[in-house]
Amino acid sequence: MISAADREKAVELIDEAVSNGASCQKACERLGLTERTYYRWKSRKIKTDSYEDGRPNADHSNPRNKLPAEARHQIIEVCNQPEYASKAPCEIVPDLADKGTYIASESTFYRVLREEKMQNHRGRSEAPKSKKPTTYSATAPNQVYMWDITYLNGPHKGMFYYLYLFSDLYDRSIVGWEVYEEESAEHASELIRQICLKQGRLTTQPLVLHSDNGSPMKGATMLATLYQLGITPSNSRPRVSNDNPYAESLFKTLKYRPDYQPKGFATLQEAREWVSLFVQWYNYEHHHSGLKFLTPDQRRSGQSQEILEKRHQVYEAAKEKYPERWNGRATRDWSLPDTVYLNPETEADRISSVGL
């Protein structure tokens, strides 16, 4: 809150600038003010002979626009009438207007109903249900995979190649990929078979494969292959784009690489060669921020604990040598959680699930 002295000084400077031919608007902008504020301060000085801000001492006990108690009771009474019991305020208010009656706005109706704990689902239809995303956790590689398909620009406008990309939740590594000329459940089915063979996965080992709701993800061929391999399919909620966040983040990393070809790849082979180099870089050279800047391969191969412990020792040695730089604070936390979650349950979800 600006003090009265600073307000007075600002008004004096603006008045001086204007008297010397400057624009009032430009003078105000120079001080980081608006013309409206400038004129409001001058007006207050004329009315109260002071530049003091009146808001701290203002009387808010009985605001002029407060809804009268009579109108509040009238809103509750109207909403409880049989003809309006199953209608929402957005229907009630226009209907009252047709009858020549105005009590309050729709927003006021809604506010009063909320305050009176009456803003519940009205009518005989079922209340809309908000489906929570399914939560998965991984404590080791090859427990939860995520996959999606993204476009790669082709040689001509409107022509695309399709990158199928599978990654592991635990270590974020890319476990399988391929570029095709079309989207199909058959291609996805063939690719997941290759991935399971490459990873040496047995059908007795539990594995969840999470994806969005695209047709290749939910095609009959793909689902049949997953069931045959003992893989549990999982899909995002309909029309929810952030239920597969790690896959979307991976695509952003891919398309923001300095050597990415936004103008398009000339051939399918060229696209495959570029993605192959990207996967090599991502798995073995990219220091992932979500892994405390380890590479996915370091996490996957079990080197993470040794590397992070060494970093911790380096920081502790530096703190011992230069304690003033930390000022009593702990050094950086280089630990990684043993369990990684996809769409973790929030505190609000936990509270609602136990009925609190």
Protein backbone atom coordinates (compact mmCIF):
# COMPACT_ATOMS: atom_id res chain seq x y z
CA MET A 1 0.00 0.00 0.00
CA ILE A 2 1.51 3.33 -1.08
CA SER A 3 2.07 5.83 1.72
CA ALA A 4 0.48 9.28 1.74
CA ALA A 5 3.89 10.96 1.37
CA ASP A 6 4.73 8.91 -1.72
CA ARG A 7 1.33 9.67 -3.22
CA GLU A 8 1.79 13.39 -2.64
CA LYS A 9 5.26 13.32 -4.21
CA ALA A 10 3.98 11.39 -7.24
CA VAL A 11 1.14 13.88 -7.81
CA GLU A 12 3.60 16.80 -7.54
CA LEU A 13 5.94 15.23 -10.11
CA ILE A 14 3.10 14.51 -12.54
CA ASP A 15 1.70 18.04 -12.13
CA GLU A 16 5.15 19.49 -12.79
CA ALA A 17 5.61 17.36 -15.89
CA VAL A 18 2.18 18.29 -17.27
CA SER A 19 2.80 22.00 -16.62
CA ASN A 20 5.96 21.71 -18.70
CA GLY A 21 4.07 20.27 -21.67
CA ALA A 22 4.24 16.54 -21.00
CA SER A 23 1.32 14.19 -21.56
CA CYS A 24 -0.45 13.25 -18.36
CA GLN A 25 -0.73 9.64 -19.54
CA LYS A 26 3.00 9.40 -20.32
CA ALA A 27 3.93 11.05 -17.02
CA CYS A 28 1.78 8.55 -15.12
CA GLU A 29 3.24 5.61 -17.04
CA ARG A 30 6.73 6.85 -16.17
CA LEU A 31 5.88 6.41 -12.48
CA GLY A 32 4.05 3.13 -13.03
CA LEU A 33 0.60 4.60 -12.44
CA THR A 34 -2.58 4.97 -14.45
CA GLU A 35 -4.32 8.27 -15.13
CA ARG A 36 -7.30 6.98 -13.22
CA THR A 37 -5.18 6.47 -10.09
CA TYR A 38 -3.67 9.92 -10.45
CA TYR A 39 -7.07 11.61 -10.67
CA ARG A 40 -8.44 9.49 -7.82
CA TRP A 41 -5.61 10.61 -5.54
CA LYS A 42 -6.17 14.26 -6.43
CA SER A 43 -9.90 13.89 -5.85
CA ARG A 44 -9.31 12.37 -2.42
CA LYS A 45 -7.00 15.24 -1.50
CA ILE A 46 -9.74 17.74 -2.42
CA LYS A 47 -12.43 15.87 -0.47
CA THR A 48 -10.50 14.91 2.67
CA ASP A 49 -7.45 17.18 2.54
CA SER A 50 -5.29 14.05 2.77
CA TYR A 51 -3.62 11.52 0.51
CA GLU A 52 -4.11 8.71 3.05
CA ASP A 53 -5.59 5.50 1.68
CA GLY A 54 -9.14 5.22 2.99
CA ARG A 55 -9.49 1.47 2.53
CA PRO A 56 -8.01 0.30 5.87
CA ASN A 57 -10.50 2.42 7.83
CA ALA A 58 -13.50 1.88 5.57
CA ASP A 59 -16.69 0.57 7.14
CA HIS A 60 -17.58 -2.74 5.51
CA SER A 61 -20.06 -3.82 8.14
CA ASN A 62 -23.08 -2.90 6.04
CA PRO A 63 -22.22 -2.75 2.33
CA ARG A 64 -24.71 -0.91 0.15
CA ASN A 65 -25.04 -3.79 -2.33
CA LYS A 66 -25.58 -6.49 0.31
CA LEU A 67 -28.54 -8.69 -0.47
CA PRO A 68 -31.40 -7.84 1.91
CA ALA A 69 -32.50 -10.61 4.25
CA GLU A 70 -36.01 -10.40 2.77
CA ALA A 71 -34.70 -11.12 -0.73
CA ARG A 72 -32.59 -13.99 0.58
CA HIS A 73 -35.61 -15.64 2.21
CA GLN A 74 -37.58 -15.07 -0.98
CA ILE A 75 -34.93 -16.89 -3.05
CA ILE A 76 -35.00 -19.89 -0.72
CA GLU A 77 -38.80 -19.94 -0.72
CA VAL A 78 -39.02 -19.76 -4.52
CA CYS A 79 -36.44 -22.52 -5.06
CA ASN A 80 -38.38 -24.80 -2.71
CA GLN A 81 -41.67 -24.35 -4.56
CA PRO A 82 -42.79 -27.55 -6.36
CA GLU A 83 -42.63 -25.96 -9.82
CA TYR A 84 -38.99 -24.90 -9.30
CA ALA A 85 -37.73 -27.75 -7.13
CA SER A 86 -36.15 -29.58 -10.10
CA LYS A 87 -34.90 -26.50 -11.95
CA ALA A 88 -31.60 -24.66 -11.84
CA PRO A 89 -31.36 -20.90 -11.18
CA CYS A 90 -30.51 -20.35 -14.87
CA GLU A 91 -34.08 -21.57 -15.60
CA ILE A 92 -35.79 -20.08 -12.56
CA VAL A 93 -34.68 -16.46 -13.07
CA PRO A 94 -35.91 -16.15 -16.71
CA ASP A 95 -39.18 -17.84 -15.78
CA LEU A 96 -39.73 -15.34 -12.96
CA ALA A 97 -38.94 -12.51 -15.39
CA ASP A 98 -41.63 -13.84 -17.76
CA LYS A 99 -44.05 -13.50 -14.85
CA GLY A 100 -42.92 -9.94 -14.19
CA THR A 101 -40.87 -10.75 -11.08
CA TYR A 102 -37.22 -10.02 -10.39
CA ILE A 103 -35.65 -11.07 -7.10
CA ALA A 104 -31.94 -11.29 -7.86
CA SER A 105 -29.50 -12.36 -10.55
CA GLU A 106 -28.71 -15.98 -11.40
CA SER A 107 -25.29 -15.72 -9.74
CA THR A 108 -26.94 -14.47 -6.54
CA PHE A 109 -29.37 -17.41 -6.65
CA TYR A 110 -26.44 -19.79 -6.99
CA ARG A 111 -24.51 -18.09 -4.18
CA VAL A 112 -27.44 -18.21 -1.76
CA LEU A 113 -28.11 -21.86 -2.55
CA ARG A 114 -24.45 -22.72 -1.98
CA GLU A 115 -24.40 -20.89 1.34
CA GLU A 116 -27.56 -22.66 2.44
CA LYS A 117 -26.13 -26.07 1.38
CA MET A 118 -28.94 -26.35 -1.19
CA GLN A 119 -26.78 -26.30 -4.31
CA ASN A 120 -27.15 -30.00 -5.08
CA HIS A 121 -28.10 -31.80 -8.24
CA ARG A 122 -31.73 -30.97 -9.04
CA GLY A 123 -34.00 -33.13 -11.14
CA ARG A 124 -34.54 -36.84 -11.65
CA SER A 125 -31.53 -37.49 -13.86
CA GLU A 126 -28.35 -38.80 -12.30
CA ALA A 127 -25.87 -36.21 -11.13
CA PRO A 128 -22.84 -35.91 -13.41
CA LYS A 129 -19.98 -38.05 -12.15
CA SER A 130 -16.37 -37.01 -12.25
CA LYS A 131 -14.29 -40.09 -12.94
CA LYS A 132 -10.89 -40.10 -11.27
CA PRO A 133 -7.86 -41.19 -13.30
CA THR A 134 -6.54 -44.67 -12.55
CA THR A 135 -3.38 -44.57 -10.45
CA TYR A 136 -0.49 -46.93 -11.19
CA SER A 137 2.84 -47.37 -9.46
CA ALA A 138 6.15 -48.95 -10.42
CA THR A 139 8.99 -50.04 -8.15
CA ALA A 140 11.18 -51.51 -10.91
CA PRO A 141 11.46 -51.53 -14.71
CA ASN A 142 8.95 -53.40 -16.87
CA GLN A 143 5.97 -52.93 -14.54
CA VAL A 144 4.15 -50.00 -16.20
CA TYR A 145 4.61 -48.90 -19.81
CA MET A 146 3.13 -45.81 -21.43
CA TRP A 147 2.70 -45.25 -25.12
CA ASP A 148 1.27 -42.86 -27.66
CA ILE A 149 1.48 -41.87 -31.31
CA THR A 150 2.62 -38.50 -32.61
CA TYR A 151 2.87 -36.91 -36.03
CA LEU A 152 6.15 -36.33 -37.82
CA ASN A 153 5.94 -33.95 -40.76
CA GLY A 154 6.41 -35.57 -44.14
CA PRO A 155 7.91 -34.12 -47.34
CA HIS A 156 4.68 -32.34 -48.31
CA LYS A 157 2.13 -30.26 -46.43
CA GLY A 158 -0.60 -32.50 -45.08
CA MET A 159 1.55 -35.64 -45.32
CA PHE A 160 2.69 -37.23 -42.06
CA TYR A 161 4.61 -40.16 -40.69
CA TYR A 162 3.46 -41.67 -37.40
CA LEU A 163 5.84 -42.33 -34.52
CA TYR A 164 4.78 -45.10 -32.13
CA LEU A 165 6.68 -44.63 -28.86
CA PHE A 166 6.67 -46.85 -25.76
CA SER A 167 8.36 -45.77 -22.51
CA ASP A 168 8.80 -47.20 -19.02
CA LEU A 169 7.24 -45.36 -16.07
CA TYR A 170 9.94 -46.32 -13.58
CA ASP A 171 13.02 -45.03 -15.41
CA ARG A 172 11.43 -43.04 -18.30
CA SER A 173 13.49 -45.01 -20.82
CA ILE A 174 12.19 -45.60 -24.33
CA VAL A 175 11.68 -49.37 -24.53
CA GLY A 176 10.37 -49.50 -28.09
CA TRP A 177 9.51 -47.36 -31.09
CA GLU A 178 8.78 -47.42 -34.80
CA VAL A 179 7.74 -44.99 -37.52
CA TYR A 180 4.94 -46.02 -39.89
CA GLU A 181 3.04 -44.38 -42.69
CA GLU A 182 -0.33 -44.90 -41.02
CA GLU A 183 -1.99 -45.45 -37.66
CA SER A 184 -3.28 -48.94 -37.03
CA ALA A 185 -3.85 -51.39 -34.21
CA GLU A 186 -1.98 -54.02 -36.25
CA HIS A 187 1.24 -52.00 -36.19
CA ALA A 188 0.86 -51.38 -32.45
CA SER A 189 0.21 -55.08 -31.87
CA GLU A 190 3.33 -56.09 -33.78
CA LEU A 191 5.45 -53.54 -31.95
CA ILE A 192 4.40 -54.54 -28.44
CA ARG A 193 5.25 -58.16 -29.28
CA GLN A 194 8.73 -57.07 -30.33
CA ILE A 195 9.17 -55.02 -27.16
CA CYS A 196 8.21 -57.92 -24.88
CA LEU A 197 10.63 -60.19 -26.76
CA LYS A 198 13.44 -57.61 -26.57
CA GLN A 199 12.90 -56.98 -22.84
CA GLY A 200 12.85 -60.72 -22.14
CA ARG A 201 9.46 -60.40 -20.51
CA LEU A 202 7.53 -63.52 -19.53
CA THR A 203 3.73 -63.61 -19.82
CA THR A 204 3.54 -64.47 -16.12
CA GLN A 205 5.01 -61.09 -15.18
CA PRO A 206 2.39 -58.36 -14.51
CA LEU A 207 2.59 -55.36 -16.82
CA VAL A 208 0.26 -52.39 -17.36
CA LEU A 209 0.22 -50.58 -20.70
CA HIS A 210 -1.28 -47.10 -20.42
CA SER A 211 -2.37 -45.00 -23.39
CA ASP A 212 -5.02 -42.55 -24.52
CA ASN A 213 -8.27 -43.47 -26.27
CA GLY A 214 -7.13 -43.51 -29.90
CA SER A 215 -8.39 -46.23 -32.21
CA PRO A 216 -4.96 -47.96 -32.51
CA MET A 217 -4.87 -48.20 -28.70
CA LYS A 218 -8.33 -49.73 -28.39
CA GLY A 219 -8.44 -51.74 -31.62
CA ALA A 220 -9.50 -55.38 -31.39
CA THR A 221 -6.16 -56.64 -32.70
CA MET A 222 -4.20 -54.66 -30.13
CA LEU A 223 -6.41 -55.71 -27.22
CA ALA A 224 -6.28 -59.36 -28.25
CA THR A 225 -2.47 -59.20 -28.35
CA LEU A 226 -2.31 -57.59 -24.92
CA TYR A 227 -4.52 -60.23 -23.36
CA GLN A 228 -2.47 -62.93 -25.04
CA LEU A 229 0.74 -61.47 -23.61
CA GLY A 230 -0.77 -61.06 -20.14
CA ILE A 231 -0.65 -57.25 -20.32
CA THR A 232 -3.31 -55.15 -18.62
CA PRO A 233 -4.54 -52.37 -20.94
CA SER A 234 -5.28 -48.97 -19.42
CA ASN A 235 -6.72 -45.88 -21.07
CA SER A 236 -7.01 -42.22 -20.20
CA ARG A 237 -10.39 -40.74 -19.37
CA PRO A 238 -12.37 -39.62 -22.44
CA ARG A 239 -11.56 -36.07 -23.55
CA VAL A 240 -8.89 -35.67 -20.83
CA SER A 241 -5.51 -34.80 -22.30
CA ASN A 242 -3.32 -34.97 -19.20
CA ASP A 243 -3.92 -38.56 -18.04
CA ASN A 244 -0.83 -39.67 -19.98
CA PRO A 245 1.52 -36.82 -19.01
CA TYR A 246 4.87 -38.60 -19.36
CA ALA A 247 4.17 -39.61 -22.95
CA GLU A 248 3.19 -36.03 -23.84
CA SER A 249 6.31 -34.69 -22.11
CA LEU A 250 8.48 -37.11 -24.05
CA PHE A 251 7.01 -35.93 -27.36
CA LYS A 252 7.75 -32.32 -26.38
CA THR A 253 11.37 -33.23 -25.64
CA LEU A 254 11.57 -34.92 -29.03
CA LYS A 255 10.12 -32.04 -31.02
CA TYR A 256 12.22 -29.40 -29.27
CA ARG A 257 15.54 -31.06 -30.12
CA PRO A 258 17.81 -28.61 -32.02
CA ASP A 259 18.13 -30.97 -35.01
CA TYR A 260 14.42 -31.83 -35.27
CA GLN A 261 13.00 -31.36 -38.76
CA PRO A 262 9.88 -29.20 -38.36
CA LYS A 263 9.66 -28.74 -42.13
CA GLY A 264 9.42 -32.46 -42.64
CA PHE A 265 11.38 -35.61 -43.34
CA ALA A 266 11.95 -36.39 -47.01
CA THR A 267 11.41 -40.13 -46.65
CA LEU A 268 10.19 -42.70 -44.15
CA GLN A 269 13.74 -44.03 -43.84
CA GLU A 270 15.05 -40.55 -43.00
CA ALA A 271 12.45 -40.21 -40.25
CA ARG A 272 13.39 -43.59 -38.81
CA GLU A 273 17.09 -42.75 -38.82
CA TRP A 274 16.45 -39.47 -36.99
CA VAL A 275 14.26 -41.13 -34.34
CA SER A 276 16.90 -43.84 -33.86
CA LEU A 277 19.51 -41.19 -33.04
CA PHE A 278 17.06 -39.40 -30.74
CA VAL A 279 16.30 -42.60 -28.80
CA GLN A 280 20.02 -43.30 -28.40
CA TRP A 281 20.57 -39.78 -27.07
CA TYR A 282 17.49 -39.84 -24.83
CA ASN A 283 18.24 -43.18 -23.17
CA TYR A 284 22.00 -42.83 -22.73
CA GLU A 285 22.90 -39.10 -22.75
CA HIS A 286 19.85 -37.08 -21.70
CA HIS A 287 19.98 -36.13 -18.02
CA HIS A 288 16.31 -36.28 -17.11
CA SER A 289 15.01 -33.65 -14.67
CA GLY A 290 12.44 -36.12 -13.31
CA LEU A 291 15.27 -38.54 -12.42
CA LYS A 292 17.41 -36.00 -10.52
CA PHE A 293 19.35 -35.53 -13.75
CA LEU A 294 20.30 -39.15 -14.25
CA THR A 295 20.01 -40.69 -17.68
CA PRO A 296 17.19 -43.23 -18.11
CA ASP A 297 19.82 -45.96 -18.68
CA GLN A 298 21.55 -45.14 -15.37
CA ARG A 299 18.25 -45.53 -13.55
CA ARG A 300 17.31 -48.67 -15.46
CA SER A 301 20.66 -50.40 -14.99
CA GLY A 302 20.70 -49.81 -11.22
CA GLN A 303 23.52 -47.23 -11.15
CA SER A 304 21.33 -44.46 -9.73
CA GLN A 305 21.98 -45.07 -6.02
CA GLU A 306 25.76 -45.08 -6.44
CA ILE A 307 25.77 -41.93 -8.60
CA LEU A 308 23.41 -39.99 -6.35
CA GLU A 309 25.31 -41.01 -3.21
CA LYS A 310 28.52 -39.71 -4.80
CA ARG A 311 26.80 -36.40 -5.59
CA HIS A 312 25.62 -36.19 -1.99
CA GLN A 313 29.16 -36.71 -0.72
CA VAL A 314 30.47 -33.98 -3.03
CA TYR A 315 27.87 -31.54 -1.72
CA GLU A 316 28.56 -32.44 1.91
CA ALA A 317 32.28 -31.91 1.36
CA ALA A 318 31.60 -28.53 -0.21
CA LYS A 319 29.35 -27.58 2.69
CA GLU A 320 32.03 -28.54 5.18
CA LYS A 321 34.53 -26.39 3.29
CA TYR A 322 32.21 -23.42 2.71
CA PRO A 323 29.54 -23.61 5.46
CA GLU A 324 28.57 -19.95 5.01
CA ARG A 325 27.14 -20.72 1.57
CA TRP A 326 24.50 -22.98 3.06
CA ASN A 327 23.74 -20.83 6.11
CA GLY A 328 22.71 -23.82 8.20
CA ARG A 329 20.51 -25.34 5.50
CA ALA A 330 20.78 -28.95 4.34
CA THR A 331 22.47 -29.71 1.05
CA ARG A 332 20.50 -30.56 -2.05
CA ASP A 333 18.36 -33.67 -1.84
CA TRP A 334 19.77 -36.16 -4.33
CA SER A 335 17.51 -39.08 -3.36
CA LEU A 336 14.99 -40.69 -5.69
CA PRO A 337 11.73 -42.30 -4.50
CA ASP A 338 11.59 -46.07 -4.66
CA THR A 339 8.06 -45.93 -6.06
CA VAL A 340 7.03 -43.91 -9.12
CA TYR A 341 3.36 -43.07 -9.70
CA LEU A 342 1.33 -42.39 -12.81
CA ASN A 343 -1.62 -40.06 -12.05
CA PRO A 344 -1.06 -40.20 -8.27
CA GLU A 345 -4.03 -39.75 -5.99
CA THR A 346 -4.27 -36.22 -4.61
CA GLU A 347 -5.01 -35.29 -1.00
CA ALA A 348 -8.51 -34.18 -2.04
CA ASP A 349 -9.12 -37.59 -3.64
CA ARG A 350 -8.00 -39.39 -0.48
CA ILE A 351 -10.27 -37.27 1.70
CA SER A 352 -13.29 -37.82 -0.55
CA SER A 353 -12.62 -41.56 -0.76
CA VAL A 354 -12.93 -41.95 3.01
CA GLY A 355 -16.00 -39.71 3.15
CA LEU A 356 -14.55 -36.89 5.23
